[in-house]
Amino acid sequence: MYILGGTSATSLATVLSRTLNQPLLKTTFKRFPDDEFYIRLEEPIEGEDVLIVQTAYPDAKIVELLIMQDAVCEAGAKRISVILPYFGYSRQDKKFEEGEAISARAIAEHISIHADEVITVDPHKEHILEFFTTPARSCSAVPQIAEYLKGKNIDLVLAPDMGAKDRALQAATLMGCESDYLEKTRIDGTTVKIHPKSLNVHGKTVAIVDDIISTGGTMANSIKELKHQGAKKIYVACTHGLFAGQAKEKLTSAGCDEIIATDTIESEFSKVSVAPSLAQALVHLA
């Protein structure tokens, strides 16, 4: 089996190669002067299993993935497994108004054309896996995030809302501490209070665990409120760190003690690797 790491997942593909003890496929990538993408596989792969690792975000990386898949198919690979550490467009999973596209489905259907299976990490909603026309499944980064947080003496794991409470509970169980979720209470027309549903944060070291941090606005407001309620330290952890716009500044200025993300999207905050979870999901190929 060969592992082909795309330009958006170079580090993760390297770690996964070491974890699975499988070689990286030697490949040339470049951009033409008009910015079109070019790939050339430098080793024969006819009859081989190939694992393509590429985060489908932002848009240009999706085009790269489709071209990588075509190259591997054209070269005669026996089986193509596509790893989407982060599946872009996953939050556009339904129509809110007539005339809209179901973007997650559109992208999934195109990725499925040259894929025998697809594996992604912590999708925003599990039902998006049904959009793929080839077998698709997911794995979780929560065990790796919990392992990292164990060294921070966390007293309480919080989910940012009720919908994410199971993620917080899983992390807390692995860490041996309590969990809760944040809820919003409207005080008046302009004031909303954010507070844990059941537990007190005063004097506690808190970790807020989410699947995605995008602009960071909601998370920053939560940090400020928890600090106001007497939290001693606040760690923010997510699987997919988009950190769009001024997200970093929002979180740090709000009083966050550390920002933690995985390598599904490679950034300065990628302190946790999802390679162990992916390797476990891929044991049937290794």
Protein backbone atom coordinates (compact mmCIF):
# COMPACT_ATOMS: atom_id res chain seq x y z
CA MET A 1 0.00 0.00 0.00
CA TYR A 2 1.12 3.52 -0.78
CA ILE A 3 0.11 6.72 0.97
CA LEU A 4 -0.32 9.81 -1.19
CA GLY A 5 -0.30 12.96 0.89
CA GLY A 6 -1.88 16.00 -0.72
CA THR A 7 -0.67 19.56 -0.26
CA SER A 8 -3.20 20.24 2.50
CA ALA A 9 -2.21 17.21 4.58
CA THR A 10 1.55 16.81 4.14
CA SER A 11 2.40 16.48 7.83
CA LEU A 12 -0.53 14.21 8.64
CA ALA A 13 0.27 11.90 5.71
CA THR A 14 3.87 11.63 6.95
CA VAL A 15 2.78 10.75 10.49
CA LEU A 16 0.22 8.27 9.14
CA SER A 17 2.92 6.67 6.97
CA ARG A 18 5.06 6.10 10.05
CA THR A 19 2.10 4.89 12.10
CA LEU A 20 1.01 2.34 9.49
CA ASN A 21 4.58 1.54 8.41
CA GLN A 22 3.59 2.10 4.80
CA PRO A 23 5.57 4.17 2.26
CA LEU A 24 4.71 7.62 1.00
CA LEU A 25 4.19 7.70 -2.77
CA LYS A 26 6.79 9.87 -4.47
CA THR A 27 4.89 12.59 -6.27
CA THR A 28 5.49 15.88 -8.04
CA PHE A 29 3.06 18.73 -7.41
CA LYS A 30 3.23 22.13 -9.01
CA ARG A 31 1.13 25.07 -10.15
CA PHE A 32 1.26 26.39 -13.70
CA PRO A 33 1.57 30.17 -14.25
CA ASP A 34 -2.21 30.37 -14.61
CA ASP A 35 -2.50 28.59 -11.21
CA GLU A 36 -3.81 25.30 -12.62
CA PHE A 37 -2.73 22.28 -10.57
CA TYR A 38 -0.38 19.57 -11.86
CA ILE A 39 0.47 16.16 -10.42
CA ARG A 40 2.78 13.37 -11.56
CA LEU A 41 3.17 10.06 -9.76
CA GLU A 42 6.86 9.11 -9.78
CA GLU A 43 6.41 5.43 -8.92
CA PRO A 44 4.36 2.65 -10.59
CA ILE A 45 1.23 1.79 -8.59
CA GLU A 46 -0.59 -0.58 -10.93
CA GLY A 47 -2.37 -3.22 -8.86
CA GLU A 48 -1.55 -1.45 -5.58
CA ASP A 49 -3.79 -0.06 -2.85
CA VAL A 50 -3.41 3.71 -2.55
CA LEU A 51 -4.49 5.85 0.37
CA ILE A 52 -4.99 9.51 -0.57
CA VAL A 53 -4.85 11.96 2.34
CA GLN A 54 -6.14 15.43 1.55
CA THR A 55 -8.17 17.92 3.57
CA ALA A 56 -11.00 19.12 1.33
CA TYR A 57 -10.64 22.77 2.29
CA PRO A 58 -10.41 25.42 0.95
CA ASP A 59 -11.88 25.12 -2.56
CA ALA A 60 -8.55 24.79 -4.37
CA LYS A 61 -7.71 21.73 -2.28
CA ILE A 62 -10.92 20.03 -3.41
CA VAL A 63 -9.87 20.47 -7.05
CA GLU A 64 -6.44 19.08 -6.17
CA LEU A 65 -8.06 16.04 -4.57
CA LEU A 66 -10.17 15.28 -7.64
CA ILE A 67 -7.10 15.50 -9.89
CA MET A 68 -5.06 13.33 -7.50
CA GLN A 69 -7.79 10.70 -7.58
CA ASP A 70 -7.85 10.76 -11.38
CA ALA A 71 -4.06 10.33 -11.54
CA VAL A 72 -4.15 7.35 -9.19
CA CYS A 73 -7.04 5.78 -11.10
CA GLU A 74 -5.31 6.36 -14.44
CA ALA A 75 -2.14 4.73 -13.10
CA GLY A 76 -4.04 1.52 -12.42
CA ALA A 77 -4.40 1.43 -8.64
CA LYS A 78 -6.31 -1.63 -7.44
CA ARG A 79 -8.10 0.19 -4.63
CA ILE A 80 -8.37 3.90 -3.75
CA SER A 81 -9.14 4.95 -0.20
CA VAL A 82 -9.71 8.68 0.33
CA ILE A 83 -9.01 10.17 3.74
CA LEU A 84 -10.69 13.53 4.28
CA PRO A 85 -9.26 14.78 7.58
CA TYR A 86 -11.63 17.73 7.25
CA PHE A 87 -14.52 17.62 4.79
CA GLY A 88 -15.15 21.14 3.57
CA TYR A 89 -18.78 22.12 2.91
CA SER A 90 -19.93 19.61 5.54
CA ARG A 91 -22.01 22.31 7.26
CA GLN A 92 -23.92 23.03 4.05
CA ASP A 93 -25.81 19.78 4.44
CA LYS A 94 -29.39 20.89 3.71
CA LYS A 95 -31.46 23.57 2.03
CA PHE A 96 -32.62 26.43 4.20
CA GLU A 97 -34.32 28.24 1.31
CA GLU A 98 -35.56 27.17 -2.10
CA GLY A 99 -32.99 27.49 -4.85
CA GLU A 100 -30.01 26.60 -2.65
CA ALA A 101 -27.57 23.81 -3.39
CA ILE A 102 -26.92 20.98 -0.96
CA SER A 103 -23.20 21.64 -1.28
CA ALA A 104 -21.99 18.80 0.94
CA ARG A 105 -23.80 16.32 -1.28
CA ALA A 106 -22.42 17.84 -4.48
CA ILE A 107 -18.82 17.61 -3.25
CA ALA A 108 -19.32 14.12 -1.81
CA GLU A 109 -20.71 12.76 -5.07
CA HIS A 110 -17.71 14.04 -7.04
CA ILE A 111 -15.20 12.62 -4.55
CA SER A 112 -16.98 9.26 -4.74
CA ILE A 113 -16.32 8.84 -8.47
CA HIS A 114 -12.74 7.59 -7.98
CA ALA A 115 -12.93 6.23 -4.44
CA ASP A 116 -13.56 2.73 -3.15
CA GLU A 117 -14.07 4.11 0.34
CA VAL A 118 -13.97 7.45 2.15
CA ILE A 119 -13.00 8.08 5.76
CA THR A 120 -13.36 11.45 7.47
CA VAL A 121 -12.75 12.73 11.00
CA ASP A 122 -15.44 14.14 13.30
CA PRO A 123 -17.92 15.26 10.63
CA HIS A 124 -20.19 18.09 11.71
CA LYS A 125 -23.17 15.77 11.25
CA GLU A 126 -22.89 12.02 10.70
CA HIS A 127 -25.67 11.97 8.10
CA ILE A 128 -23.40 13.67 5.55
CA LEU A 129 -21.70 10.30 5.11
CA GLU A 130 -24.85 9.20 3.29
CA PHE A 131 -24.09 11.75 0.54
CA PHE A 132 -21.16 9.66 -0.69
CA THR A 133 -22.05 7.08 -3.30
CA THR A 134 -19.21 4.84 -2.12
CA PRO A 135 -18.83 3.38 1.38
CA ALA A 136 -18.03 6.20 3.83
CA ARG A 137 -17.36 6.25 7.55
CA SER A 138 -15.87 8.44 10.22
CA CYS A 139 -13.51 8.25 13.16
CA SER A 140 -13.05 10.53 16.16
CA ALA A 141 -10.22 12.74 17.36
CA VAL A 142 -11.69 13.03 20.86
CA PRO A 143 -9.43 10.31 22.38
CA GLN A 144 -6.31 12.14 21.16
CA ILE A 145 -7.62 15.52 22.36
CA ALA A 146 -8.47 14.02 25.75
CA GLU A 147 -5.00 12.49 26.01
CA TYR A 148 -3.42 15.90 25.39
CA LEU A 149 -5.67 17.60 27.94
CA LYS A 150 -4.89 15.04 30.63
CA GLY A 151 -1.70 16.93 31.38
CA LYS A 152 -3.57 20.20 32.02
CA ASN A 153 -5.30 19.19 35.28
CA ILE A 154 -8.75 19.81 33.83
CA ASP A 155 -11.62 19.86 36.35
CA LEU A 156 -14.49 20.22 33.90
CA VAL A 157 -15.08 19.64 30.19
CA LEU A 158 -17.75 21.83 28.59
CA ALA A 159 -19.56 21.49 25.28
CA PRO A 160 -20.40 24.82 23.60
CA ASP A 161 -24.05 23.76 23.31
CA MET A 162 -26.37 20.85 24.05
CA GLY A 163 -25.81 19.36 20.60
CA ALA A 164 -22.15 18.72 21.40
CA LYS A 165 -22.63 17.38 24.94
CA ASP A 166 -21.83 13.79 23.94
CA ARG A 167 -18.40 14.88 22.68
CA ALA A 168 -17.69 16.64 25.98
CA LEU A 169 -18.90 13.61 27.94
CA GLN A 170 -16.65 11.29 25.96
CA ALA A 171 -13.61 13.51 26.57
CA ALA A 172 -14.43 13.93 30.26
CA THR A 173 -14.87 10.19 30.72
CA LEU A 174 -11.46 9.52 29.19
CA MET A 175 -9.95 12.22 31.42
CA GLY A 176 -11.75 11.20 34.60
CA CYS A 177 -13.50 14.51 35.23
CA GLU A 178 -16.97 16.06 35.03
CA SER A 179 -18.74 17.36 31.93
CA ASP A 180 -21.52 19.81 31.19
CA TYR A 181 -22.71 21.99 28.34
CA LEU A 182 -23.21 25.70 27.90
CA GLU A 183 -26.66 27.14 27.43
CA LYS A 184 -27.83 30.64 26.64
CA THR A 185 -30.42 32.46 28.72
CA ARG A 186 -31.88 35.66 27.31
CA ILE A 187 -32.05 38.31 30.03
CA ASP A 188 -33.64 41.00 27.89
CA GLY A 189 -33.78 42.17 24.27
CA THR A 190 -30.04 42.81 24.10
CA THR A 191 -28.51 40.68 26.88
CA VAL A 192 -27.79 36.95 26.70
CA LYS A 193 -26.11 35.08 29.55
CA ILE A 194 -23.97 32.06 28.77
CA HIS A 195 -23.55 29.57 31.60
CA PRO A 196 -23.07 25.84 32.25
CA LYS A 197 -26.32 23.92 32.49
CA SER A 198 -25.65 22.33 35.89
CA LEU A 199 -22.13 22.84 37.23
CA ASN A 200 -20.26 25.74 38.79
CA VAL A 201 -16.98 26.82 37.15
CA HIS A 202 -15.69 29.05 39.96
CA GLY A 203 -12.06 28.24 40.70
CA LYS A 204 -11.97 25.41 38.16
CA THR A 205 -9.75 24.68 35.18
CA VAL A 206 -12.10 24.27 32.23
CA ALA A 207 -11.74 22.82 28.74
CA ILE A 208 -14.28 23.73 26.07
CA VAL A 209 -14.28 21.00 23.41
CA ASP A 210 -15.89 21.47 19.98
CA ASP A 211 -15.68 19.92 16.53
CA ILE A 212 -15.00 23.14 14.56
CA ILE A 213 -13.75 26.61 15.43
CA SER A 214 -14.36 28.97 12.53
CA THR A 215 -14.56 32.70 13.33
CA GLY A 216 -14.30 32.09 17.07
CA GLY A 217 -16.98 34.65 17.98
CA THR A 218 -19.28 32.36 19.97
CA MET A 219 -16.34 30.66 21.66
CA ALA A 220 -14.82 34.03 22.66
CA ASN A 221 -18.09 35.13 24.24
CA SER A 222 -18.22 31.86 26.18
CA ILE A 223 -14.67 32.34 27.46
CA LYS A 224 -15.42 35.86 28.64
CA GLU A 225 -18.52 34.74 30.49
CA LEU A 226 -16.77 31.79 32.13
CA LYS A 227 -13.93 34.06 33.25
CA HIS A 228 -16.56 36.40 34.69
CA GLN A 229 -18.00 33.43 36.59
CA GLY A 230 -14.61 32.74 38.17
CA ALA A 231 -13.04 30.02 36.02
CA LYS A 232 -9.35 29.74 36.91
CA LYS A 233 -8.06 28.62 33.50
CA ILE A 234 -9.79 27.96 30.19
CA TYR A 235 -8.48 25.72 27.43
CA VAL A 236 -10.19 25.63 24.05
CA ALA A 237 -9.84 22.47 21.95
CA CYS A 238 -11.30 21.45 18.61
CA THR A 239 -10.80 18.85 15.92
CA HIS A 240 -10.96 21.25 12.98
CA GLY A 241 -9.33 24.63 13.50
CA LEU A 242 -10.38 26.92 10.65
CA PHE A 243 -9.53 30.09 12.60
CA ALA A 244 -11.04 32.35 9.96
CA GLY A 245 -10.51 36.09 10.09
CA GLN A 246 -9.49 37.35 13.54
CA ALA A 247 -10.41 34.15 15.39
CA LYS A 248 -7.02 33.81 17.08
CA GLU A 249 -7.13 37.36 18.37
CA LYS A 250 -10.71 36.95 19.59
CA LEU A 251 -9.89 33.86 21.60
CA THR A 252 -6.69 35.17 23.16
CA SER A 253 -8.12 38.57 24.03
CA ALA A 254 -11.12 36.86 25.64
CA GLY A 255 -8.77 35.19 28.10
CA CYS A 256 -8.17 31.74 26.62
CA ASP A 257 -5.11 30.13 28.22
CA GLU A 258 -4.37 27.79 25.30
CA ILE A 259 -5.83 26.99 21.89
CA ILE A 260 -5.57 23.35 20.81
CA ALA A 261 -6.46 21.86 17.44
CA THR A 262 -5.59 18.71 15.54
CA ASP A 263 -3.72 18.33 12.26
CA THR A 264 -6.86 17.82 10.14
CA ILE A 265 -6.16 21.43 9.15
CA GLU A 266 -2.51 22.22 9.64
CA SER A 267 -1.82 25.39 11.64
CA GLU A 268 0.23 26.74 14.53
CA PHE A 269 -2.39 25.25 16.86
CA SER A 270 -2.12 21.68 15.51
CA LYS A 271 -0.85 20.13 18.73
CA VAL A 272 -2.69 16.82 18.39
CA SER A 273 -2.47 14.32 15.52
CA VAL A 274 -5.45 12.31 14.31
CA ALA A 275 -3.12 9.71 12.80
CA PRO A 276 -3.77 7.14 15.60
CA SER A 277 -7.54 7.30 15.04
CA LEU A 278 -7.12 7.04 11.28
CA ALA A 279 -4.68 4.15 11.64
CA GLN A 280 -7.20 2.29 13.79
CA ALA A 281 -9.87 2.87 11.14
CA LEU A 282 -7.52 1.53 8.48
CA VAL A 283 -6.33 -1.67 10.11
CA HIS A 284 -8.05 -3.71 7.42
CA LEU A 285 -5.71 -2.18 4.81
CA ALA A 286 -2.39 -2.21 6.64
